[in-house]
Amino acid sequence: MFCGKVFLLLLATAAINAQVKSDTNTNLRVLIFPYIPDLNKDGLASLRNHIKREFEAKNTDITLVVEGDSLHNLYNLENMRQYLGTGPSAFDVAEVDMILLGEMANENLLEPNPDPSIQVDSSSFFPFAVNAVTYGGTTYGIPTLVCANFLAKMTSPTGSGTLQLIGNFRGSWTLPGYYLSAYVNAYGASFMYEGVNSDPNYHEDVVNSIKQLSDRCLRSDGSNPCTNRYYRSEPEKMTEDVIRSKESHFLAYVEVIGEVMHRNPDVEVESIAPPPLGGSERYLQMYTDALVANRNTYQSKKEAIKRFMEFYTSDDFRQSYAFCGTWLEKVT
């Protein structure tokens, strides 16, 4: 009987200690940008585990929940209302494309200047990234990723030796992005707003420049994998075809080029340049992703949010993220 009472007392003490730990710990929910190469082919689980492991090792009083995979659509405003809301699917911090900044700010979803200790100016970040996280004179995000489409000449010691264009000219975002790049190259950067709001008839010379480039994808049988949804439906075929070709011109976001080189270190980038779209100008259209804070939960979790933003944007972590570091390991 005595042993039973001792056992029950130990259970009660453990329960009390567990409750104390739960009450003193902060639970922080983070949504990372999921549209990056899945180098481990595990739905980014290795990266999420790496983030959680490294952050919690330095912040033992914070329990971090990291989500972000192909199931999260970060380009849908209704979804963002939920992700930056108060319900069960809400996050305290999200890494999102700043193309949606104006809409999110107008919806009052974001906490302005979420981490004043991080100086968001041109001394620390690219000027275009600073502009991207600023809306109405207010800073809403901390830049984390930038990307652009490049035309790269790739070479490999093995393959067919046929010089061909490999790329994707389909997609609800990719093709409009090419159109805007071509429009700005044809008429100048000051006309970008006009290009975004152009009438549905489009500009023939701009469209023709895209067609001329896409025609370089034509194969001997008359098919065009860049426009017939082949690469759109099976994006991994792009990297496989680049690896198999002795020479190719590869049009893609720069991180996809990095994935090719990761999968086959023998593939090299011989040259790289903005895609030849539009006129003779070569403006590089850059996209910026950034960490933003949920305005609904910010005040109650301010310290944890700031610590995560400082960790995620630190030089040590960014190097492990960009250069694969220790997170490239299979999840068992």
C-alpha atoms as a PDB file:
ATOM      1  CA  MET A   1       0.000   0.000   0.000  1.00  0.00           C
ATOM      2  CA  PHE A   2       2.823   2.341   0.938  1.00  0.00           C
ATOM      3  CA  CYS A   3       4.581   1.675  -2.373  1.00  0.00           C
ATOM      4  CA  GLY A   4       1.346   2.376  -4.192  1.00  0.00           C
ATOM      5  CA  LYS A   5       0.979   5.743  -2.440  1.00  0.00           C
ATOM      6  CA  VAL A   6       4.588   6.651  -3.248  1.00  0.00           C
ATOM      7  CA  PHE A   7       4.006   5.727  -6.877  1.00  0.00           C
ATOM      8  CA  LEU A   8       0.860   7.870  -7.023  1.00  0.00           C
ATOM      9  CA  LEU A   9       2.732  10.742  -5.362  1.00  0.00           C
ATOM     10  CA  LEU A  10       5.501  10.482  -7.956  1.00  0.00           C
ATOM     11  CA  LEU A  11       2.916  10.530 -10.738  1.00  0.00           C
ATOM     12  CA  ALA A  12       1.245  13.578  -9.226  1.00  0.00           C
ATOM     13  CA  THR A  13       4.601  15.358  -8.844  1.00  0.00           C
ATOM     14  CA  ALA A  14       5.542  14.567 -12.456  1.00  0.00           C
ATOM     15  CA  ALA A  15       2.177  15.889 -13.617  1.00  0.00           C
ATOM     16  CA  ILE A  16       2.679  19.120 -11.657  1.00  0.00           C
ATOM     17  CA  ASN A  17       6.196  19.559 -13.077  1.00  0.00           C
ATOM     18  CA  ALA A  18       4.920  18.914 -16.580  1.00  0.00           C
ATOM     19  CA  GLN A  19       2.214  21.538 -16.067  1.00  0.00           C
ATOM     20  CA  VAL A  20       4.742  24.064 -14.790  1.00  0.00           C
ATOM     21  CA  LYS A  21       6.940  23.472 -17.840  1.00  0.00           C
ATOM     22  CA  SER A  22       3.944  23.823 -20.169  1.00  0.00           C
ATOM     23  CA  ASP A  23       2.926  27.077 -18.498  1.00  0.00           C
ATOM     24  CA  THR A  24       6.393  28.607 -18.675  1.00  0.00           C
ATOM     25  CA  ASN A  25       7.125  27.519 -22.239  1.00  0.00           C
ATOM     26  CA  THR A  26       5.920  29.511 -25.227  1.00  0.00           C
ATOM     27  CA  ASN A  27       4.444  27.588 -28.120  1.00  0.00           C
ATOM     28  CA  LEU A  28       5.416  29.299 -31.374  1.00  0.00           C
ATOM     29  CA  ARG A  29       3.846  28.304 -34.685  1.00  0.00           C
ATOM     30  CA  VAL A  30       5.839  29.117 -37.840  1.00  0.00           C
ATOM     31  CA  LEU A  31       4.938  28.646 -41.511  1.00  0.00           C
ATOM     32  CA  ILE A  32       7.946  28.559 -43.846  1.00  0.00           C
ATOM     33  CA  PHE A  33       7.874  29.335 -47.556  1.00  0.00           C
ATOM     34  CA  PRO A  34       7.331  25.925 -49.207  1.00  0.00           C
ATOM     35  CA  TYR A  35       8.083  26.714 -52.863  1.00  0.00           C
ATOM     36  CA  ILE A  36      11.754  25.743 -52.821  1.00  0.00           C
ATOM     37  CA  PRO A  37      13.566  22.674 -54.215  1.00  0.00           C
ATOM     38  CA  ASP A  38      12.785  19.581 -52.164  1.00  0.00           C
ATOM     39  CA  LEU A  39      16.325  18.237 -52.313  1.00  0.00           C
ATOM     40  CA  ASN A  40      15.647  15.351 -49.937  1.00  0.00           C
ATOM     41  CA  LYS A  41      12.381  14.383 -51.639  1.00  0.00           C
ATOM     42  CA  ASP A  42      10.655  14.238 -48.248  1.00  0.00           C
ATOM     43  CA  GLY A  43       8.252  17.157 -48.511  1.00  0.00           C
ATOM     44  CA  LEU A  44      10.789  19.483 -46.807  1.00  0.00           C
ATOM     45  CA  ALA A  45      10.552  17.445 -43.585  1.00  0.00           C
ATOM     46  CA  SER A  46      14.356  17.496 -43.184  1.00  0.00           C
ATOM     47  CA  LEU A  47      14.432  21.278 -43.428  1.00  0.00           C
ATOM     48  CA  ARG A  48      11.578  21.718 -40.961  1.00  0.00           C
ATOM     49  CA  ASN A  49      13.270  19.337 -38.504  1.00  0.00           C
ATOM     50  CA  HIS A  50      16.549  21.203 -38.913  1.00  0.00           C
ATOM     51  CA  ILE A  51      14.887  24.537 -38.130  1.00  0.00           C
ATOM     52  CA  LYS A  52      13.121  23.144 -35.065  1.00  0.00           C
ATOM     53  CA  ARG A  53      16.216  21.342 -33.749  1.00  0.00           C
ATOM     54  CA  GLU A  54      18.590  24.299 -34.166  1.00  0.00           C
ATOM     55  CA  PHE A  55      16.175  26.894 -32.787  1.00  0.00           C
ATOM     56  CA  GLU A  56      15.052  24.928 -29.736  1.00  0.00           C
ATOM     57  CA  ALA A  57      18.673  24.089 -28.861  1.00  0.00           C
ATOM     58  CA  LYS A  58      19.268  27.830 -28.405  1.00  0.00           C
ATOM     59  CA  ASN A  59      15.824  28.678 -27.008  1.00  0.00           C
ATOM     60  CA  THR A  60      14.885  25.982 -24.509  1.00  0.00           C
ATOM     61  CA  ASP A  61      11.883  27.945 -23.212  1.00  0.00           C
ATOM     62  CA  ILE A  62      10.158  27.941 -26.630  1.00  0.00           C
ATOM     63  CA  THR A  63       8.441  24.967 -28.251  1.00  0.00           C
ATOM     64  CA  LEU A  64       8.566  25.487 -31.993  1.00  0.00           C
ATOM     65  CA  VAL A  65       6.060  24.061 -34.440  1.00  0.00           C
ATOM     66  CA  VAL A  66       7.258  24.383 -38.052  1.00  0.00           C
ATOM     67  CA  GLU A  67       4.970  23.767 -41.001  1.00  0.00           C
ATOM     68  CA  GLY A  68       5.222  24.447 -44.708  1.00  0.00           C
ATOM     69  CA  ASP A  69       4.764  22.059 -47.625  1.00  0.00           C
ATOM     70  CA  SER A  70       2.908  21.738 -50.915  1.00  0.00           C
ATOM     71  CA  LEU A  71      -0.434  21.618 -49.079  1.00  0.00           C
ATOM     72  CA  HIS A  72      -0.071  25.244 -47.991  1.00  0.00           C
ATOM     73  CA  ASN A  73      -1.151  27.696 -50.704  1.00  0.00           C
ATOM     74  CA  LEU A  74       0.454  31.005 -49.769  1.00  0.00           C
ATOM     75  CA  TYR A  75      -0.806  32.807 -52.875  1.00  0.00           C
ATOM     76  CA  ASN A  76      -4.472  32.668 -51.861  1.00  0.00           C
ATOM     77  CA  LEU A  77      -5.639  35.659 -49.808  1.00  0.00           C
ATOM     78  CA  GLU A  78      -8.395  33.677 -48.120  1.00  0.00           C
ATOM     79  CA  ASN A  79      -5.783  31.188 -46.936  1.00  0.00           C
ATOM     80  CA  MET A  80      -3.607  34.014 -45.641  1.00  0.00           C
ATOM     81  CA  ARG A  81      -6.556  35.325 -43.625  1.00  0.00           C
ATOM     82  CA  GLN A  82      -6.603  31.945 -41.874  1.00  0.00           C
ATOM     83  CA  TYR A  83      -2.823  31.564 -41.548  1.00  0.00           C
ATOM     84  CA  LEU A  84      -2.574  35.049 -40.014  1.00  0.00           C
ATOM     85  CA  GLY A  85      -5.842  34.855 -38.115  1.00  0.00           C
ATOM     86  CA  THR A  86      -6.870  33.499 -34.723  1.00  0.00           C
ATOM     87  CA  GLY A  87      -8.198  30.018 -35.531  1.00  0.00           C
ATOM     88  CA  PRO A  88      -6.565  26.579 -35.203  1.00  0.00           C
ATOM     89  CA  SER A  89      -4.748  26.930 -38.552  1.00  0.00           C
ATOM     90  CA  ALA A  90      -3.161  30.278 -37.607  1.00  0.00           C
ATOM     91  CA  PHE A  91       0.583  30.862 -37.311  1.00  0.00           C
ATOM     92  CA  ASP A  92       2.505  33.424 -35.271  1.00  0.00           C
ATOM     93  CA  VAL A  93       5.140  33.898 -37.989  1.00  0.00           C
ATOM     94  CA  ALA A  94       4.884  33.224 -41.715  1.00  0.00           C
ATOM     95  CA  GLU A  95       7.413  33.411 -44.529  1.00  0.00           C
ATOM     96  CA  VAL A  96       5.534  34.729 -47.551  1.00  0.00           C
ATOM     97  CA  ASP A  97       6.025  36.268 -50.982  1.00  0.00           C
ATOM     98  CA  MET A  98       5.888  40.050 -50.757  1.00  0.00           C
ATOM     99  CA  ILE A  99       3.812  40.190 -53.922  1.00  0.00           C
ATOM    100  CA  LEU A 100       0.878  39.930 -51.462  1.00  0.00           C
ATOM    101  CA  LEU A 101       2.125  42.557 -49.006  1.00  0.00           C
ATOM    102  CA  GLY A 102      -0.323  45.302 -49.956  1.00  0.00           C
ATOM    103  CA  GLU A 103      -3.333  43.023 -49.658  1.00  0.00           C
ATOM    104  CA  MET A 104      -2.202  41.571 -46.327  1.00  0.00           C
ATOM    105  CA  ALA A 105      -1.428  45.026 -44.903  1.00  0.00           C
ATOM    106  CA  ASN A 106      -4.782  46.398 -46.047  1.00  0.00           C
ATOM    107  CA  GLU A 107      -6.487  43.456 -44.338  1.00  0.00           C
ATOM    108  CA  ASN A 108      -4.691  44.444 -41.103  1.00  0.00           C
ATOM    109  CA  LEU A 109      -3.160  40.960 -40.794  1.00  0.00           C
ATOM    110  CA  LEU A 110       0.439  42.033 -40.150  1.00  0.00           C
ATOM    111  CA  GLU A 111       2.278  43.576 -37.229  1.00  0.00           C
ATOM    112  CA  PRO A 112       4.282  46.614 -38.457  1.00  0.00           C
ATOM    113  CA  ASN A 113       8.037  46.571 -37.827  1.00  0.00           C
ATOM    114  CA  PRO A 114       7.920  43.160 -36.079  1.00  0.00           C
ATOM    115  CA  ASP A 115      11.563  43.135 -34.925  1.00  0.00           C
ATOM    116  CA  PRO A 116      13.044  46.609 -34.420  1.00  0.00           C
ATOM    117  CA  SER A 117      16.416  45.061 -33.504  1.00  0.00           C
ATOM    118  CA  ILE A 118      16.888  43.970 -37.146  1.00  0.00           C
ATOM    119  CA  GLN A 119      17.825  46.975 -39.264  1.00  0.00           C
ATOM    120  CA  VAL A 120      15.890  46.626 -42.513  1.00  0.00           C
ATOM    121  CA  ASP A 121      17.732  49.028 -44.795  1.00  0.00           C
ATOM    122  CA  SER A 122      20.127  48.961 -47.738  1.00  0.00           C
ATOM    123  CA  SER A 123      23.134  48.548 -45.432  1.00  0.00           C
ATOM    124  CA  SER A 124      21.915  45.055 -44.501  1.00  0.00           C
ATOM    125  CA  PHE A 125      19.665  43.993 -47.399  1.00  0.00           C
ATOM    126  CA  PHE A 126      19.398  44.516 -51.144  1.00  0.00           C
ATOM    127  CA  PRO A 127      17.580  47.815 -51.797  1.00  0.00           C
ATOM    128  CA  PHE A 128      14.889  46.050 -53.847  1.00  0.00           C
ATOM    129  CA  ALA A 129      14.246  43.684 -50.912  1.00  0.00           C
ATOM    130  CA  VAL A 130      13.830  46.650 -48.574  1.00  0.00           C
ATOM    131  CA  ASN A 131      11.313  48.150 -51.013  1.00  0.00           C
ATOM    132  CA  ALA A 132       9.520  44.809 -51.236  1.00  0.00           C
ATOM    133  CA  VAL A 133       8.823  44.635 -47.472  1.00  0.00           C
ATOM    134  CA  THR A 134       7.728  48.259 -47.257  1.00  0.00           C
ATOM    135  CA  TYR A 135       4.156  49.393 -47.859  1.00  0.00           C
ATOM    136  CA  GLY A 136       2.794  52.883 -47.313  1.00  0.00           C
ATOM    137  CA  GLY A 137       6.080  53.907 -45.705  1.00  0.00           C
ATOM    138  CA  THR A 138       5.874  51.102 -43.107  1.00  0.00           C
ATOM    139  CA  THR A 139       8.129  48.049 -42.852  1.00  0.00           C
ATOM    140  CA  TYR A 140       6.183  44.820 -42.365  1.00  0.00           C
ATOM    141  CA  GLY A 141       8.688  42.042 -43.011  1.00  0.00           C
ATOM    142  CA  ILE A 142      12.265  40.803 -42.659  1.00  0.00           C
ATOM    143  CA  PRO A 143      13.640  39.660 -46.063  1.00  0.00           C
ATOM    144  CA  THR A 144      14.775  36.038 -46.193  1.00  0.00           C
ATOM    145  CA  LEU A 145      14.814  34.849 -49.819  1.00  0.00           C
ATOM    146  CA  VAL A 146      15.139  36.533 -53.201  1.00  0.00           C
ATOM    147  CA  CYS A 147      14.896  34.890 -56.585  1.00  0.00           C
ATOM    148  CA  ALA A 148      14.613  35.614 -60.285  1.00  0.00           C
ATOM    149  CA  ASN A 149      14.373  33.804 -63.594  1.00  0.00           C
ATOM    150  CA  PHE A 150      17.681  33.328 -65.389  1.00  0.00           C
ATOM    151  CA  LEU A 151      18.715  31.899 -68.718  1.00  0.00           C
ATOM    152  CA  ALA A 152      21.736  29.718 -68.040  1.00  0.00           C
ATOM    153  CA  LYS A 153      23.927  27.798 -70.437  1.00  0.00           C
ATOM    154  CA  MET A 154      24.553  24.470 -68.745  1.00  0.00           C
ATOM    155  CA  THR A 155      27.255  22.015 -69.761  1.00  0.00           C
ATOM    156  CA  SER A 156      27.762  18.377 -68.826  1.00  0.00           C
ATOM    157  CA  PRO A 157      30.491  15.867 -69.795  1.00  0.00           C
ATOM    158  CA  THR A 158      27.753  13.358 -70.616  1.00  0.00           C
ATOM    159  CA  GLY A 159      24.592  13.676 -72.685  1.00  0.00           C
ATOM    160  CA  SER A 160      23.329  14.204 -76.193  1.00  0.00           C
ATOM    161  CA  GLY A 161      25.309  17.290 -77.140  1.00  0.00           C
ATOM    162  CA  THR A 162      22.205  18.918 -78.612  1.00  0.00           C
ATOM    163  CA  LEU A 163      21.889  22.587 -77.648  1.00  0.00           C
ATOM    164  CA  GLN A 164      18.267  23.165 -76.778  1.00  0.00           C
ATOM    165  CA  LEU A 165      16.128  25.375 -74.554  1.00  0.00           C
ATOM    166  CA  ILE A 166      14.662  23.725 -71.504  1.00  0.00           C
ATOM    167  CA  GLY A 167      12.075  25.563 -69.421  1.00  0.00           C
ATOM    168  CA  ASN A 168       8.443  26.007 -68.455  1.00  0.00           C
ATOM    169  CA  PHE A 169       6.287  28.578 -70.257  1.00  0.00           C
ATOM    170  CA  ARG A 170       3.040  27.461 -68.623  1.00  0.00           C
ATOM    171  CA  GLY A 171       1.598  28.223 -65.237  1.00  0.00           C
ATOM    172  CA  SER A 172      -0.595  30.851 -63.624  1.00  0.00           C
ATOM    173  CA  TRP A 173       2.414  32.737 -62.273  1.00  0.00           C
ATOM    174  CA  THR A 174       5.358  31.851 -64.522  1.00  0.00           C
ATOM    175  CA  LEU A 175       3.932  33.081 -67.816  1.00  0.00           C
ATOM    176  CA  PRO A 176       2.575  36.392 -66.428  1.00  0.00           C
ATOM    177  CA  GLY A 177       6.005  36.918 -64.870  1.00  0.00           C
ATOM    178  CA  TYR A 178       7.642  36.478 -68.271  1.00  0.00           C
ATOM    179  CA  TYR A 179       5.158  38.924 -69.773  1.00  0.00           C
ATOM    180  CA  LEU A 180       5.936  41.568 -67.161  1.00  0.00           C
ATOM    181  CA  SER A 181       9.688  41.094 -67.681  1.00  0.00           C
ATOM    182  CA  ALA A 182       9.255  41.450 -71.438  1.00  0.00           C
ATOM    183  CA  TYR A 183       7.048  44.519 -71.000  1.00  0.00           C
ATOM    184  CA  VAL A 184       9.540  46.297 -68.747  1.00  0.00           C
ATOM    185  CA  ASN A 185      12.427  45.432 -71.078  1.00  0.00           C
ATOM    186  CA  ALA A 186      10.474  46.841 -74.015  1.00  0.00           C
ATOM    187  CA  TYR A 187       9.176  50.043 -72.423  1.00  0.00           C
ATOM    188  CA  GLY A 188      11.365  50.681 -69.372  1.00  0.00           C
ATOM    189  CA  ALA A 189      11.127  50.105 -65.628  1.00  0.00           C
ATOM    190  CA  SER A 190       8.995  53.216 -65.126  1.00  0.00           C
ATOM    191  CA  PHE A 191       6.179  51.482 -67.036  1.00  0.00           C
ATOM    192  CA  MET A 192       5.960  48.425 -64.755  1.00  0.00           C
ATOM    193  CA  TYR A 193       2.615  49.526 -63.279  1.00  0.00           C
ATOM    194  CA  GLU A 194       1.200  49.883 -66.783  1.00  0.00           C
ATOM    195  CA  GLY A 195       2.433  46.397 -67.621  1.00  0.00           C
ATOM    196  CA  VAL A 196       0.701  44.911 -64.583  1.00  0.00           C
ATOM    197  CA  ASN A 197      -2.561  46.668 -65.427  1.00  0.00           C
ATOM    198  CA  SER A 198      -2.467  46.316 -69.222  1.00  0.00           C
ATOM    199  CA  ASP A 199      -5.707  45.511 -71.033  1.00  0.00           C
ATOM    200  CA  PRO A 200      -6.527  41.880 -71.900  1.00  0.00           C
ATOM    201  CA  ASN A 201      -5.464  42.348 -75.535  1.00  0.00           C
ATOM    202  CA  TYR A 202      -1.825  42.552 -74.429  1.00  0.00           C
ATOM    203  CA  HIS A 203       0.968  44.045 -76.509  1.00  0.00           C
ATOM    204  CA  GLU A 204       1.772  42.097 -79.647  1.00  0.00           C
ATOM    205  CA  ASP A 205       5.491  42.893 -79.676  1.00  0.00           C
ATOM    206  CA  VAL A 206       5.827  41.786 -76.053  1.00  0.00           C
ATOM    207  CA  VAL A 207       3.969  38.528 -76.672  1.00  0.00           C
ATOM    208  CA  ASN A 208       6.035  37.883 -79.816  1.00  0.00           C
ATOM    209  CA  SER A 209       9.284  38.161 -77.868  1.00  0.00           C
ATOM    210  CA  ILE A 210       8.062  35.455 -75.482  1.00  0.00           C
ATOM    211  CA  LYS A 211       7.015  33.283 -78.421  1.00  0.00           C
ATOM    212  CA  GLN A 212      10.394  33.685 -80.107  1.00  0.00           C
ATOM    213  CA  LEU A 213      12.138  32.466 -76.985  1.00  0.00           C
ATOM    214  CA  SER A 214       9.714  29.586 -76.411  1.00  0.00           C
ATOM    215  CA  ASP A 215      10.156  28.463 -80.050  1.00  0.00           C
ATOM    216  CA  ARG A 216      13.739  27.586 -79.164  1.00  0.00           C
ATOM    217  CA  CYS A 217      12.250  24.668 -77.207  1.00  0.00           C
ATOM    218  CA  LEU A 218      10.888  23.040 -80.390  1.00  0.00           C
ATOM    219  CA  ARG A 219      12.010  19.441 -80.852  1.00  0.00           C
ATOM    220  CA  SER A 220      12.601  17.602 -84.120  1.00  0.00           C
ATOM    221  CA  ASP A 221       9.160  15.969 -83.960  1.00  0.00           C
ATOM    222  CA  GLY A 222       7.487  19.397 -83.788  1.00  0.00           C
ATOM    223  CA  SER A 223       6.555  19.150 -80.107  1.00  0.00           C
ATOM    224  CA  ASN A 224       7.346  21.896 -77.627  1.00  0.00           C
ATOM    225  CA  PRO A 225       7.750  20.614 -74.046  1.00  0.00           C
ATOM    226  CA  CYS A 226       8.079  24.201 -72.779  1.00  0.00           C
ATOM    227  CA  THR A 227       4.530  25.098 -73.837  1.00  0.00           C
ATOM    228  CA  ASN A 228       2.598  21.808 -74.011  1.00  0.00           C
ATOM    229  CA  ARG A 229       2.473  21.302 -70.219  1.00  0.00           C
ATOM    230  CA  TYR A 230       5.173  18.588 -70.295  1.00  0.00           C
ATOM    231  CA  TYR A 231       7.483  20.514 -67.952  1.00  0.00           C
ATOM    232  CA  ARG A 232       4.527  22.115 -66.164  1.00  0.00           C
ATOM    233  CA  SER A 233       2.957  18.754 -65.301  1.00  0.00           C
ATOM    234  CA  GLU A 234       6.259  17.023 -64.543  1.00  0.00           C
ATOM    235  CA  PRO A 235       8.662  19.720 -63.252  1.00  0.00           C
ATOM    236  CA  GLU A 236      11.312  17.164 -62.313  1.00  0.00           C
ATOM    237  CA  LYS A 237      11.713  16.385 -66.013  1.00  0.00           C
ATOM    238  CA  MET A 238      13.343  19.804 -66.444  1.00  0.00           C
ATOM    239  CA  THR A 239      16.235  18.974 -64.137  1.00  0.00           C
ATOM    240  CA  GLU A 240      16.525  15.454 -65.558  1.00  0.00           C
ATOM    241  CA  ASP A 241      16.711  16.770 -69.138  1.00  0.00           C
ATOM    242  CA  VAL A 242      19.356  19.336 -68.213  1.00  0.00           C
ATOM    243  CA  ILE A 243      21.449  16.653 -66.546  1.00  0.00           C
ATOM    244  CA  ARG A 244      21.126  14.360 -69.582  1.00  0.00           C
ATOM    245  CA  SER A 245      22.000  17.041 -72.154  1.00  0.00           C
ATOM    246  CA  LYS A 246      25.628  17.782 -72.896  1.00  0.00           C
ATOM    247  CA  GLU A 247      24.666  21.388 -73.575  1.00  0.00           C
ATOM    248  CA  SER A 248      21.421  23.197 -72.912  1.00  0.00           C
ATOM    249  CA  HIS A 249      19.960  26.616 -72.303  1.00  0.00           C
ATOM    250  CA  PHE A 250      17.961  26.339 -69.097  1.00  0.00           C
ATOM    251  CA  LEU A 251      15.343  28.976 -68.241  1.00  0.00           C
ATOM    252  CA  ALA A 252      14.236  28.722 -64.620  1.00  0.00           C
ATOM    253  CA  TYR A 253      14.293  30.285 -61.183  1.00  0.00           C
ATOM    254  CA  VAL A 254      17.840  30.366 -59.903  1.00  0.00           C
ATOM    255  CA  GLU A 255      17.130  27.873 -57.103  1.00  0.00           C
ATOM    256  CA  VAL A 256      16.139  25.259 -59.720  1.00  0.00           C
ATOM    257  CA  ILE A 257      19.540  25.726 -61.344  1.00  0.00           C
ATOM    258  CA  GLY A 258      21.036  25.056 -57.918  1.00  0.00           C
ATOM    259  CA  GLU A 259      19.013  21.852 -57.664  1.00  0.00           C
ATOM    260  CA  VAL A 260      20.433  20.634 -60.994  1.00  0.00           C
ATOM    261  CA  MET A 261      23.970  21.180 -59.760  1.00  0.00           C
ATOM    262  CA  HIS A 262      23.166  19.462 -56.470  1.00  0.00           C
ATOM    263  CA  ARG A 263      21.841  16.369 -58.216  1.00  0.00           C
ATOM    264  CA  ASN A 264      24.798  16.180 -60.612  1.00  0.00           C
ATOM    265  CA  PRO A 265      27.963  18.051 -59.559  1.00  0.00           C
ATOM    266  CA  ASP A 266      29.399  17.459 -63.061  1.00  0.00           C
ATOM    267  CA  VAL A 267      26.863  19.891 -64.541  1.00  0.00           C
ATOM    268  CA  GLU A 268      28.305  23.394 -64.711  1.00  0.00           C
ATOM    269  CA  VAL A 269      26.907  26.850 -65.432  1.00  0.00           C
ATOM    270  CA  GLU A 270      28.912  28.195 -68.349  1.00  0.00           C
ATOM    271  CA  SER A 271      27.056  31.514 -68.478  1.00  0.00           C
ATOM    272  CA  ILE A 272      24.004  33.107 -66.894  1.00  0.00           C
ATOM    273  CA  ALA A 273      21.945  36.176 -67.785  1.00  0.00           C
ATOM    274  CA  PRO A 274      18.430  37.630 -67.555  1.00  0.00           C
ATOM    275  CA  PRO A 275      16.143  36.030 -70.173  1.00  0.00           C
ATOM    276  CA  PRO A 276      16.125  37.831 -73.559  1.00  0.00           C
ATOM    277  CA  LEU A 277      12.534  39.039 -73.409  1.00  0.00           C
ATOM    278  CA  GLY A 278      11.102  42.295 -74.769  1.00  0.00           C
ATOM    279  CA  GLY A 279      13.502  44.950 -76.014  1.00  0.00           C
ATOM    280  CA  SER A 280      17.222  45.475 -75.678  1.00  0.00           C
ATOM    281  CA  GLU A 281      17.054  46.447 -71.990  1.00  0.00           C
ATOM    282  CA  ARG A 282      17.757  43.762 -69.419  1.00  0.00           C
ATOM    283  CA  TYR A 283      15.935  44.563 -66.205  1.00  0.00           C
ATOM    284  CA  LEU A 284      16.060  41.668 -63.784  1.00  0.00           C
ATOM    285  CA  GLN A 285      12.706  41.038 -62.158  1.00  0.00           C
ATOM    286  CA  MET A 286      13.367  40.007 -58.562  1.00  0.00           C
ATOM    287  CA  TYR A 287      10.956  38.381 -56.116  1.00  0.00           C
ATOM    288  CA  THR A 288      11.326  38.712 -52.345  1.00  0.00           C
ATOM    289  CA  ASP A 289      10.062  36.460 -49.556  1.00  0.00           C
ATOM    290  CA  ALA A 290      10.034  37.694 -45.980  1.00  0.00           C
ATOM    291  CA  LEU A 291       9.078  36.817 -42.422  1.00  0.00           C
ATOM    292  CA  VAL A 292       5.945  38.575 -41.220  1.00  0.00           C
ATOM    293  CA  ALA A 293       4.238  38.484 -37.811  1.00  0.00           C
ATOM    294  CA  ASN A 294       0.595  37.737 -37.102  1.00  0.00           C
ATOM    295  CA  ARG A 295      -0.885  40.914 -35.650  1.00  0.00           C
ATOM    296  CA  ASN A 296      -3.418  38.894 -33.652  1.00  0.00           C
ATOM    297  CA  THR A 297      -0.812  36.984 -31.620  1.00  0.00           C
ATOM    298  CA  TYR A 298       2.114  39.398 -31.679  1.00  0.00           C
ATOM    299  CA  GLN A 299       1.637  41.088 -28.311  1.00  0.00           C
ATOM    300  CA  SER A 300       1.309  37.825 -26.396  1.00  0.00           C
ATOM    301  CA  LYS A 301       4.332  36.234 -28.115  1.00  0.00           C
ATOM    302  CA  LYS A 302       6.463  39.240 -28.987  1.00  0.00           C
ATOM    303  CA  GLU A 303       9.696  37.990 -27.409  1.00  0.00           C
ATOM    304  CA  ALA A 304       9.455  34.519 -28.984  1.00  0.00           C
ATOM    305  CA  ILE A 305       8.646  36.007 -32.396  1.00  0.00           C
ATOM    306  CA  LYS A 306      11.618  38.360 -32.233  1.00  0.00           C
ATOM    307  CA  ARG A 307      13.971  35.560 -31.195  1.00  0.00           C
ATOM    308  CA  PHE A 308      12.819  33.369 -34.075  1.00  0.00           C
ATOM    309  CA  MET A 309      13.239  36.181 -36.606  1.00  0.00           C
ATOM    310  CA  GLU A 310      16.751  36.866 -35.343  1.00  0.00           C
ATOM    311  CA  PHE A 311      17.629  33.157 -35.506  1.00  0.00           C
ATOM    312  CA  TYR A 312      16.138  32.635 -38.972  1.00  0.00           C
ATOM    313  CA  THR A 313      17.920  35.647 -40.482  1.00  0.00           C
ATOM    314  CA  SER A 314      21.261  35.057 -38.753  1.00  0.00           C
ATOM    315  CA  ASP A 315      24.336  34.486 -40.922  1.00  0.00           C
ATOM    316  CA  ASP A 316      24.924  31.014 -39.474  1.00  0.00           C
ATOM    317  CA  PHE A 317      21.442  29.777 -40.217  1.00  0.00           C
ATOM    318  CA  ARG A 318      21.203  31.386 -43.664  1.00  0.00           C
ATOM    319  CA  GLN A 319      24.439  29.652 -44.689  1.00  0.00           C
ATOM    320  CA  SER A 320      23.162  26.265 -43.544  1.00  0.00           C
ATOM    321  CA  TYR A 321      19.903  26.963 -45.393  1.00  0.00           C
ATOM    322  CA  ALA A 322      21.423  28.220 -48.642  1.00  0.00           C
ATOM    323  CA  PHE A 323      24.224  25.688 -48.879  1.00  0.00           C
ATOM    324  CA  CYS A 324      22.236  22.701 -47.601  1.00  0.00           C
ATOM    325  CA  GLY A 325      24.368  22.389 -44.460  1.00  0.00           C
ATOM    326  CA  THR A 326      23.378  19.695 -41.992  1.00  0.00           C
ATOM    327  CA  TRP A 327      19.696  19.497 -42.872  1.00  0.00           C
ATOM    328  CA  LEU A 328      20.232  17.402 -45.998  1.00  0.00           C
ATOM    329  CA  GLU A 329      19.586  14.108 -44.329  1.00  0.00           C
ATOM    330  CA  LYS A 330      16.870  11.566 -44.813  1.00  0.00           C
ATOM    331  CA  VAL A 331      14.097  11.460 -42.252  1.00  0.00           C
ATOM    332  CA  THR A 332      13.739   7.986 -40.755  1.00  0.00           C
END
